[in-house]
C-alpha atoms as a PDB file:
ATOM      1  CA  MET A   1     -11.423 -16.677  -6.089  1.00  0.00           C
ATOM      2  CA  ALA A   2     -12.444 -14.670  -3.061  1.00  0.00           C
ATOM      3  CA  PHE A   3     -11.378 -15.064   0.536  1.00  0.00           C
ATOM      4  CA  VAL A   4     -12.788 -14.254   3.959  1.00  0.00           C
ATOM      5  CA  VAL A   5     -10.107 -13.091   6.384  1.00  0.00           C
ATOM      6  CA  ASN A   6     -10.767 -13.022  10.126  1.00  0.00           C
ATOM      7  CA  VAL A   7      -8.698 -11.867  13.082  1.00  0.00           C
ATOM      8  CA  ASP A   8      -9.610 -13.166  16.535  1.00  0.00           C
ATOM      9  CA  GLU A   9      -9.165 -10.045  18.672  1.00  0.00           C
ATOM     10  CA  ASP A  10      -8.836 -12.130  21.833  1.00  0.00           C
ATOM     11  CA  LYS A  11      -5.790 -13.928  20.405  1.00  0.00           C
ATOM     12  CA  CYS A  12      -4.184 -11.024  18.518  1.00  0.00           C
ATOM     13  CA  GLU A  13      -1.232  -9.435  20.322  1.00  0.00           C
ATOM     14  CA  GLY A  14      -0.703  -6.633  17.797  1.00  0.00           C
ATOM     15  CA  CYS A  15       2.780  -7.788  16.810  1.00  0.00           C
ATOM     16  CA  GLU A  16       2.315  -6.432  13.254  1.00  0.00           C
ATOM     17  CA  GLU A  17       3.838  -9.540  11.635  1.00  0.00           C
ATOM     18  CA  CYS A  18       0.753 -10.001   9.428  1.00  0.00           C
ATOM     19  CA  VAL A  19       0.929  -6.349   8.361  1.00  0.00           C
ATOM     20  CA  ASP A  20       4.588  -6.741   7.406  1.00  0.00           C
ATOM     21  CA  VAL A  21       4.247 -10.040   5.527  1.00  0.00           C
ATOM     22  CA  CYS A  22       1.043  -9.394   3.559  1.00  0.00           C
ATOM     23  CA  PRO A  23       1.917  -8.571  -0.075  1.00  0.00           C
ATOM     24  CA  VAL A  24      -1.363  -6.704  -0.702  1.00  0.00           C
ATOM     25  CA  GLU A  25      -1.859  -4.790   2.579  1.00  0.00           C
ATOM     26  CA  VAL A  26      -4.945  -6.639   3.844  1.00  0.00           C
ATOM     27  CA  PHE A  27      -4.179  -5.692   7.474  1.00  0.00           C
ATOM     28  CA  GLU A  28      -3.610  -2.553   9.530  1.00  0.00           C
ATOM     29  CA  ILE A  29      -3.048  -2.105  13.248  1.00  0.00           C
ATOM     30  CA  GLU A  30      -5.789  -0.247  15.116  1.00  0.00           C
ATOM     31  CA  ASP A  31      -5.940  -0.001  18.906  1.00  0.00           C
ATOM     32  CA  ASP A  32      -2.988  -2.430  19.175  1.00  0.00           C
ATOM     33  CA  LYS A  33      -4.810  -5.163  17.210  1.00  0.00           C
ATOM     34  CA  ALA A  34      -4.667  -6.301  13.585  1.00  0.00           C
ATOM     35  CA  VAL A  35      -7.776  -5.473  11.611  1.00  0.00           C
ATOM     36  CA  VAL A  36      -8.786  -6.483   8.098  1.00  0.00           C
ATOM     37  CA  VAL A  37      -9.033  -3.385   5.903  1.00  0.00           C
ATOM     38  CA  ASN A  38      -8.604  -4.719   2.344  1.00  0.00           C
ATOM     39  CA  GLU A  39     -10.182  -8.175   2.368  1.00  0.00           C
ATOM     40  CA  ASP A  40     -11.010  -7.920  -1.359  1.00  0.00           C
ATOM     41  CA  GLU A  41      -7.281  -7.817  -2.113  1.00  0.00           C
ATOM     42  CA  CYS A  42      -6.472 -11.103  -0.323  1.00  0.00           C
ATOM     43  CA  LEU A  43      -4.585 -13.562  -2.547  1.00  0.00           C
ATOM     44  CA  GLY A  44      -5.103 -16.535  -0.250  1.00  0.00           C
ATOM     45  CA  CYS A  45      -1.349 -17.035   0.153  1.00  0.00           C
ATOM     46  CA  GLU A  46      -1.794 -17.632   3.912  1.00  0.00           C
ATOM     47  CA  SER A  47       1.512 -15.920   4.748  1.00  0.00           C
ATOM     48  CA  CYS A  48      -0.307 -14.128   7.557  1.00  0.00           C
ATOM     49  CA  ILE A  49      -1.358 -17.439   9.080  1.00  0.00           C
ATOM     50  CA  GLU A  50       2.220 -18.729   8.969  1.00  0.00           C
ATOM     51  CA  VAL A  51       3.667 -15.724  10.825  1.00  0.00           C
ATOM     52  CA  CYS A  52       0.896 -15.401  13.414  1.00  0.00           C
ATOM     53  CA  GLU A  53       2.299 -17.094  16.514  1.00  0.00           C
ATOM     54  CA  THR A  54      -1.003 -16.886  18.398  1.00  0.00           C
ATOM     55  CA  GLY A  55      -3.166 -18.420  15.654  1.00  0.00           C
ATOM     56  CA  ALA A  56      -5.403 -15.359  15.538  1.00  0.00           C
ATOM     57  CA  ILE A  57      -5.870 -15.296  11.749  1.00  0.00           C
ATOM     58  CA  THR A  58      -8.020 -17.494   9.529  1.00  0.00           C
ATOM     59  CA  VAL A  59      -8.417 -17.327   5.766  1.00  0.00           C
ATOM     60  CA  GLU A  60     -11.262 -19.154   4.075  1.00  0.00           C
ATOM     61  CA  GLU A  61     -11.949 -19.474   0.347  1.00  0.00           C
ATOM     62  CA  ILE A  62     -15.499 -18.644  -0.670  1.00  0.00           C
END
């Protein structure tokens, strides 16, 4: 399975929760926003979605 991970920059507050919770380091913080850097590693666990209080992250199976 493969996944598409998106971060809505307008909603992201740069709290780093997604960076901390992701078991495979899909995210990094750049310019105070989360960015997807290792999308190919995504397991589809959706932990990032659960911790994102602003709803900035989506994960879709492709």
